[in-house]
Amino acid sequence: MTKWDDLSRRARAAFVLLEVGFIGLLIIQVVYIVVRGEPWILWVGRLLPLLIFLPGLVRRVPRSIIWLCFVSLMYFIGGVENLFAMPQSLLAWTGMVCVVSVFIAGMLYVRWQSRDQTAL
């Protein structure tokens, strides 16, 4: 973990995009649960895999962010299914944008953060 001030501008921008995508993904999952009227056990199944990585995301731990990217692929599969089922749904498109931004921004942040750390 490096300090925020030691990171390059692009690493900081990637992390901010990662945070926005993560929060958006959480909100999208809650909206899906409420709209579909799913039982409490599906709340756990939809939100727990994301919330597990919240402490590592807050502390900017690269290993947690890498695992978050792997787990986001599970949400990507669900997002693709939603897009095929409802291609005009703004909610499905927003969910897909959030998942893709979490994955791409997370990978870029880890890469650029590690370069910044070795440069120090």
N, C-alpha and C. Protein backbone atom coordinates (compact mmCIF):
# COMPACT_ATOMS: atom_id res chain seq x y z
N MET A 1 0.84 -1.19 0.00
CA MET A 1 0.00 0.00 0.00
C MET A 1 0.88 1.24 0.00
N THR A 2 0.62 2.09 -0.93
CA THR A 2 1.33 3.36 -0.97
C THR A 2 0.38 4.46 -0.54
N LYS A 3 0.98 5.57 -0.17
CA LYS A 3 0.15 6.71 0.19
C LYS A 3 -0.49 7.29 -1.05
N TRP A 4 -1.62 7.93 -0.85
CA TRP A 4 -2.37 8.53 -1.96
C TRP A 4 -1.51 9.56 -2.69
N ASP A 5 -0.72 10.32 -1.96
CA ASP A 5 0.11 11.36 -2.58
C ASP A 5 1.25 10.79 -3.42
N ASP A 6 1.65 9.55 -3.15
CA ASP A 6 2.74 8.93 -3.90
C ASP A 6 2.28 8.33 -5.23
N LEU A 7 0.97 8.28 -5.45
CA LEU A 7 0.45 7.68 -6.68
C LEU A 7 0.44 8.68 -7.82
N SER A 8 0.59 8.18 -9.02
CA SER A 8 0.50 9.04 -10.20
C SER A 8 -0.95 9.47 -10.42
N ARG A 9 -1.11 10.48 -11.26
CA ARG A 9 -2.45 10.99 -11.54
C ARG A 9 -3.32 9.91 -12.18
N ARG A 10 -2.76 9.12 -13.05
CA ARG A 10 -3.55 8.09 -13.73
C ARG A 10 -3.97 6.98 -12.76
N ALA A 11 -3.11 6.64 -11.79
CA ALA A 11 -3.49 5.63 -10.80
C ALA A 11 -4.61 6.15 -9.91
N ARG A 12 -4.53 7.42 -9.53
CA ARG A 12 -5.60 8.02 -8.73
C ARG A 12 -6.91 8.07 -9.50
N ALA A 13 -6.83 8.42 -10.79
CA ALA A 13 -8.04 8.48 -11.61
C ALA A 13 -8.66 7.09 -11.77
N ALA A 14 -7.82 6.08 -11.94
CA ALA A 14 -8.32 4.71 -12.06
C ALA A 14 -8.99 4.27 -10.77
N PHE A 15 -8.43 4.65 -9.63
CA PHE A 15 -9.03 4.26 -8.36
C PHE A 15 -10.37 4.96 -8.14
N VAL A 16 -10.47 6.22 -8.53
CA VAL A 16 -11.74 6.94 -8.39
C VAL A 16 -12.79 6.28 -9.28
N LEU A 17 -12.42 5.92 -10.51
CA LEU A 17 -13.35 5.23 -11.40
C LEU A 17 -13.74 3.87 -10.82
N LEU A 18 -12.80 3.20 -10.20
CA LEU A 18 -13.08 1.92 -9.54
C LEU A 18 -14.10 2.11 -8.43
N GLU A 19 -13.92 3.14 -7.61
CA GLU A 19 -14.87 3.41 -6.53
C GLU A 19 -16.26 3.73 -7.06
N VAL A 20 -16.34 4.56 -8.08
CA VAL A 20 -17.63 4.92 -8.67
C VAL A 20 -18.32 3.69 -9.25
N GLY A 21 -17.57 2.88 -9.96
CA GLY A 21 -18.13 1.65 -10.52
C GLY A 21 -18.59 0.68 -9.45
N PHE A 22 -17.82 0.57 -8.38
CA PHE A 22 -18.17 -0.33 -7.28
C PHE A 22 -19.46 0.12 -6.59
N ILE A 23 -19.55 1.40 -6.29
CA ILE A 23 -20.76 1.92 -5.65
C ILE A 23 -21.96 1.77 -6.59
N GLY A 24 -21.74 2.06 -7.87
CA GLY A 24 -22.81 1.87 -8.85
C GLY A 24 -23.26 0.42 -8.93
N LEU A 25 -22.31 -0.51 -8.90
CA LEU A 25 -22.65 -1.93 -8.95
C LEU A 25 -23.45 -2.35 -7.72
N LEU A 26 -23.08 -1.85 -6.56
CA LEU A 26 -23.86 -2.14 -5.35
C LEU A 26 -25.28 -1.60 -5.47
N ILE A 27 -25.41 -0.38 -5.95
CA ILE A 27 -26.74 0.24 -6.10
C ILE A 27 -27.57 -0.54 -7.11
N ILE A 28 -26.97 -0.93 -8.22
CA ILE A 28 -27.69 -1.69 -9.24
C ILE A 28 -28.19 -3.01 -8.67
N GLN A 29 -27.37 -3.68 -7.87
CA GLN A 29 -27.80 -4.94 -7.28
C GLN A 29 -28.98 -4.74 -6.33
N VAL A 30 -28.95 -3.68 -5.54
CA VAL A 30 -30.06 -3.39 -4.63
C VAL A 30 -31.32 -3.07 -5.42
N VAL A 31 -31.18 -2.32 -6.51
CA VAL A 31 -32.34 -1.99 -7.34
C VAL A 31 -32.93 -3.25 -7.95
N TYR A 32 -32.10 -4.15 -8.44
CA TYR A 32 -32.60 -5.41 -8.98
C TYR A 32 -33.38 -6.18 -7.92
N ILE A 33 -32.86 -6.21 -6.71
CA ILE A 33 -33.52 -6.93 -5.62
C ILE A 33 -34.88 -6.32 -5.32
N VAL A 34 -34.93 -5.00 -5.23
CA VAL A 34 -36.18 -4.32 -4.89
C VAL A 34 -37.20 -4.45 -6.02
N VAL A 35 -36.76 -4.24 -7.25
CA VAL A 35 -37.68 -4.29 -8.39
C VAL A 35 -38.26 -5.69 -8.56
N ARG A 36 -37.44 -6.68 -8.40
CA ARG A 36 -37.90 -8.05 -8.60
C ARG A 36 -38.54 -8.65 -7.35
N GLY A 37 -38.44 -7.98 -6.22
CA GLY A 37 -39.03 -8.49 -4.98
C GLY A 37 -38.42 -9.80 -4.53
N GLU A 38 -37.11 -9.89 -4.59
CA GLU A 38 -36.42 -11.13 -4.26
C GLU A 38 -36.35 -11.32 -2.74
N PRO A 39 -36.31 -12.57 -2.27
CA PRO A 39 -36.23 -12.84 -0.82
C PRO A 39 -34.85 -12.48 -0.26
N TRP A 40 -34.75 -12.49 1.04
CA TRP A 40 -33.55 -12.03 1.74
C TRP A 40 -32.31 -12.86 1.38
N ILE A 41 -32.48 -14.12 1.09
CA ILE A 41 -31.32 -14.96 0.79
C ILE A 41 -30.64 -14.52 -0.50
N LEU A 42 -31.41 -13.97 -1.43
CA LEU A 42 -30.81 -13.46 -2.65
C LEU A 42 -30.09 -12.14 -2.41
N TRP A 43 -30.53 -11.40 -1.38
CA TRP A 43 -29.77 -10.20 -0.98
C TRP A 43 -28.35 -10.63 -0.62
N VAL A 44 -28.28 -11.68 0.17
CA VAL A 44 -26.96 -12.18 0.59
C VAL A 44 -26.15 -12.63 -0.62
N GLY A 45 -26.79 -13.38 -1.52
CA GLY A 45 -26.10 -13.89 -2.68
C GLY A 45 -25.64 -12.81 -3.65
N ARG A 46 -26.36 -11.70 -3.72
CA ARG A 46 -25.99 -10.62 -4.63
C ARG A 46 -25.00 -9.63 -4.02
N LEU A 47 -25.15 -9.35 -2.72
CA LEU A 47 -24.35 -8.28 -2.11
C LEU A 47 -23.12 -8.77 -1.36
N LEU A 48 -23.18 -9.93 -0.77
CA LEU A 48 -22.04 -10.41 0.03
C LEU A 48 -20.74 -10.54 -0.77
N PRO A 49 -20.79 -11.09 -2.01
CA PRO A 49 -19.52 -11.17 -2.74
C PRO A 49 -18.86 -9.80 -2.98
N LEU A 50 -19.66 -8.76 -3.09
CA LEU A 50 -19.08 -7.42 -3.25
C LEU A 50 -18.63 -6.84 -1.92
N LEU A 51 -19.45 -7.02 -0.89
CA LEU A 51 -19.14 -6.41 0.41
C LEU A 51 -17.92 -7.03 1.08
N ILE A 52 -17.57 -8.25 0.70
CA ILE A 52 -16.38 -8.89 1.26
C ILE A 52 -15.13 -8.07 0.93
N PHE A 53 -15.12 -7.45 -0.23
CA PHE A 53 -13.94 -6.72 -0.69
C PHE A 53 -13.94 -5.25 -0.29
N LEU A 54 -14.97 -4.80 0.39
CA LEU A 54 -15.06 -3.39 0.78
C LEU A 54 -13.91 -2.94 1.68
N PRO A 55 -13.52 -3.70 2.73
CA PRO A 55 -12.38 -3.25 3.55
C PRO A 55 -11.07 -3.13 2.75
N GLY A 56 -10.81 -4.08 1.86
CA GLY A 56 -9.60 -4.00 1.04
C GLY A 56 -9.66 -2.86 0.05
N LEU A 57 -10.85 -2.55 -0.43
CA LEU A 57 -11.00 -1.42 -1.35
C LEU A 57 -10.78 -0.10 -0.63
N VAL A 58 -11.29 0.01 0.57
CA VAL A 58 -11.11 1.24 1.36
C VAL A 58 -9.63 1.46 1.68
N ARG A 59 -8.92 0.36 1.99
CA ARG A 59 -7.49 0.48 2.32
C ARG A 59 -6.60 0.44 1.09
N ARG A 60 -7.20 0.26 -0.09
CA ARG A 60 -6.48 0.20 -1.37
C ARG A 60 -5.45 -0.93 -1.40
N VAL A 61 -5.85 -2.11 -0.97
CA VAL A 61 -4.98 -3.28 -0.99
C VAL A 61 -5.04 -3.91 -2.38
N PRO A 62 -3.92 -3.98 -3.08
CA PRO A 62 -3.95 -4.49 -4.46
C PRO A 62 -4.49 -5.91 -4.58
N ARG A 63 -4.16 -6.79 -3.65
CA ARG A 63 -4.64 -8.17 -3.73
C ARG A 63 -6.16 -8.23 -3.63
N SER A 64 -6.75 -7.43 -2.78
CA SER A 64 -8.22 -7.39 -2.68
C SER A 64 -8.84 -6.86 -3.96
N ILE A 65 -8.21 -5.88 -4.55
CA ILE A 65 -8.74 -5.30 -5.78
C ILE A 65 -8.65 -6.31 -6.93
N ILE A 66 -7.57 -7.08 -6.97
CA ILE A 66 -7.44 -8.12 -7.99
C ILE A 66 -8.55 -9.15 -7.83
N TRP A 67 -8.80 -9.58 -6.61
CA TRP A 67 -9.86 -10.56 -6.38
C TRP A 67 -11.24 -9.96 -6.66
N LEU A 68 -11.41 -8.70 -6.38
CA LEU A 68 -12.67 -8.03 -6.73
C LEU A 68 -12.88 -8.07 -8.25
N CYS A 69 -11.82 -7.91 -9.00
CA CYS A 69 -11.94 -7.98 -10.47
C CYS A 69 -12.36 -9.37 -10.91
N PHE A 70 -11.82 -10.41 -10.27
CA PHE A 70 -12.25 -11.76 -10.61
C PHE A 70 -13.72 -11.99 -10.28
N VAL A 71 -14.13 -11.53 -9.12
CA VAL A 71 -15.52 -11.70 -8.71
C VAL A 71 -16.46 -10.88 -9.60
N SER A 72 -15.98 -9.74 -10.08
CA SER A 72 -16.83 -8.92 -10.95
C SER A 72 -17.17 -9.65 -12.24
N LEU A 73 -16.38 -10.63 -12.63
CA LEU A 73 -16.70 -11.40 -13.84
C LEU A 73 -17.99 -12.20 -13.65
N MET A 74 -18.29 -12.60 -12.42
CA MET A 74 -19.55 -13.26 -12.14
C MET A 74 -20.72 -12.30 -12.43
N TYR A 75 -20.57 -11.05 -12.04
CA TYR A 75 -21.60 -10.05 -12.31
C TYR A 75 -21.65 -9.71 -13.80
N PHE A 76 -20.53 -9.83 -14.48
CA PHE A 76 -20.50 -9.61 -15.92
C PHE A 76 -21.37 -10.64 -16.64
N ILE A 77 -21.27 -11.89 -16.23
CA ILE A 77 -22.09 -12.95 -16.83
C ILE A 77 -23.57 -12.64 -16.63
N GLY A 78 -23.94 -12.26 -15.41
CA GLY A 78 -25.33 -11.90 -15.14
C GLY A 78 -25.77 -10.69 -15.94
N GLY A 79 -24.86 -9.74 -16.11
CA GLY A 79 -25.19 -8.54 -16.89
C GLY A 79 -25.42 -8.86 -18.36
N VAL A 80 -24.62 -9.76 -18.91
CA VAL A 80 -24.81 -10.16 -20.30
C VAL A 80 -26.16 -10.86 -20.47
N GLU A 81 -26.50 -11.71 -19.50
CA GLU A 81 -27.81 -12.38 -19.55
C GLU A 81 -28.94 -11.36 -19.49
N ASN A 82 -28.81 -10.35 -18.63
CA ASN A 82 -29.83 -9.31 -18.53
C ASN A 82 -29.94 -8.51 -19.82
N LEU A 83 -28.81 -8.23 -20.45
CA LEU A 83 -28.84 -7.49 -21.71
C LEU A 83 -29.50 -8.29 -22.83
N PHE A 84 -29.27 -9.59 -22.86
CA PHE A 84 -29.93 -10.41 -23.88
C PHE A 84 -31.43 -10.53 -23.61
N ALA A 85 -31.80 -10.57 -22.32
CA ALA A 85 -33.22 -10.70 -21.98
C ALA A 85 -33.96 -9.38 -22.16
N MET A 86 -33.31 -8.26 -21.82
CA MET A 86 -33.95 -6.94 -21.89
C MET A 86 -33.01 -5.95 -22.56
N PRO A 87 -32.86 -5.99 -23.88
CA PRO A 87 -31.87 -5.12 -24.53
C PRO A 87 -32.19 -3.63 -24.43
N GLN A 88 -33.43 -3.25 -24.18
CA GLN A 88 -33.77 -1.83 -24.07
C GLN A 88 -33.72 -1.32 -22.63
N SER A 89 -33.39 -2.17 -21.68
CA SER A 89 -33.41 -1.79 -20.27
C SER A 89 -32.21 -0.91 -19.92
N LEU A 90 -32.52 0.28 -19.42
CA LEU A 90 -31.46 1.19 -18.97
C LEU A 90 -30.73 0.61 -17.75
N LEU A 91 -31.46 -0.10 -16.92
CA LEU A 91 -30.87 -0.72 -15.74
C LEU A 91 -29.84 -1.78 -16.13
N ALA A 92 -30.15 -2.58 -17.13
CA ALA A 92 -29.20 -3.61 -17.59
C ALA A 92 -27.95 -2.98 -18.18
N TRP A 93 -28.10 -1.92 -18.96
CA TRP A 93 -26.95 -1.24 -19.55
C TRP A 93 -26.10 -0.57 -18.47
N THR A 94 -26.76 0.05 -17.49
CA THR A 94 -26.03 0.71 -16.41
C THR A 94 -25.24 -0.32 -15.60
N GLY A 95 -25.85 -1.46 -15.32
CA GLY A 95 -25.15 -2.52 -14.61
C GLY A 95 -23.94 -3.02 -15.35
N MET A 96 -24.08 -3.15 -16.66
CA MET A 96 -22.94 -3.61 -17.48
C MET A 96 -21.81 -2.59 -17.48
N VAL A 97 -22.16 -1.32 -17.57
CA VAL A 97 -21.14 -0.27 -17.54
C VAL A 97 -20.41 -0.28 -16.20
N CYS A 98 -21.15 -0.47 -15.11
CA CYS A 98 -20.52 -0.51 -13.78
C CYS A 98 -19.58 -1.70 -13.65
N VAL A 99 -20.00 -2.86 -14.11
CA VAL A 99 -19.15 -4.06 -14.00
C VAL A 99 -17.88 -3.89 -14.82
N VAL A 100 -18.03 -3.41 -16.04
CA VAL A 100 -16.86 -3.24 -16.91
C VAL A 100 -15.92 -2.19 -16.33
N SER A 101 -16.48 -1.12 -15.77
CA SER A 101 -15.61 -0.09 -15.19
C SER A 101 -14.88 -0.61 -13.95
N VAL A 102 -15.54 -1.43 -13.13
CA VAL A 102 -14.86 -2.02 -11.97
C VAL A 102 -13.70 -2.88 -12.44
N PHE A 103 -13.93 -3.72 -13.44
CA PHE A 103 -12.87 -4.62 -13.89
C PHE A 103 -11.70 -3.85 -14.51
N ILE A 104 -12.00 -2.98 -15.44
CA ILE A 104 -10.92 -2.28 -16.15
C ILE A 104 -10.18 -1.32 -15.21
N ALA A 105 -10.92 -0.53 -14.44
CA ALA A 105 -10.28 0.43 -13.54
C ALA A 105 -9.48 -0.29 -12.45
N GLY A 106 -9.99 -1.42 -11.97
CA GLY A 106 -9.26 -2.18 -10.95
C GLY A 106 -7.94 -2.71 -11.47
N MET A 107 -7.96 -3.27 -12.66
CA MET A 107 -6.73 -3.79 -13.24
C MET A 107 -5.73 -2.67 -13.54
N LEU A 108 -6.22 -1.57 -14.07
CA LEU A 108 -5.32 -0.45 -14.35
C LEU A 108 -4.75 0.13 -13.07
N TYR A 109 -5.59 0.26 -12.04
CA TYR A 109 -5.08 0.80 -10.77
C TYR A 109 -3.97 -0.08 -10.21
N VAL A 110 -4.20 -1.38 -10.19
CA VAL A 110 -3.18 -2.29 -9.62
C VAL A 110 -1.89 -2.20 -10.42
N ARG A 111 -2.00 -2.16 -11.72
CA ARG A 111 -0.80 -2.07 -12.56
C ARG A 111 -0.05 -0.77 -12.33
N TRP A 112 -0.76 0.34 -12.37
CA TRP A 112 -0.11 1.64 -12.22
C TRP A 112 0.37 1.86 -10.80
N GLN A 113 -0.35 1.36 -9.82
CA GLN A 113 0.08 1.49 -8.42
C GLN A 113 1.36 0.71 -8.19
N SER A 114 1.46 -0.48 -8.79
CA SER A 114 2.69 -1.25 -8.60
C SER A 114 3.87 -0.59 -9.29
N ARG A 115 3.64 0.04 -10.43
CA ARG A 115 4.72 0.78 -11.09
C ARG A 115 5.15 1.97 -10.26
N ASP A 116 4.19 2.68 -9.69
CA ASP A 116 4.52 3.82 -8.85
C ASP A 116 5.29 3.38 -7.62
N GLN A 117 4.92 2.23 -7.06
CA GLN A 117 5.59 1.74 -5.87
C GLN A 117 7.02 1.32 -6.17
N THR A 118 7.26 0.69 -7.32
CA THR A 118 8.63 0.31 -7.66
C THR A 118 9.47 1.52 -8.04
N ALA A 119 8.83 2.59 -8.54
CA ALA A 119 9.57 3.79 -8.89
C ALA A 119 10.07 4.52 -7.63
N LEU A 120 9.36 4.32 -6.51
CA LEU A 120 9.79 4.96 -5.27
C LEU A 120 10.98 4.21 -4.72
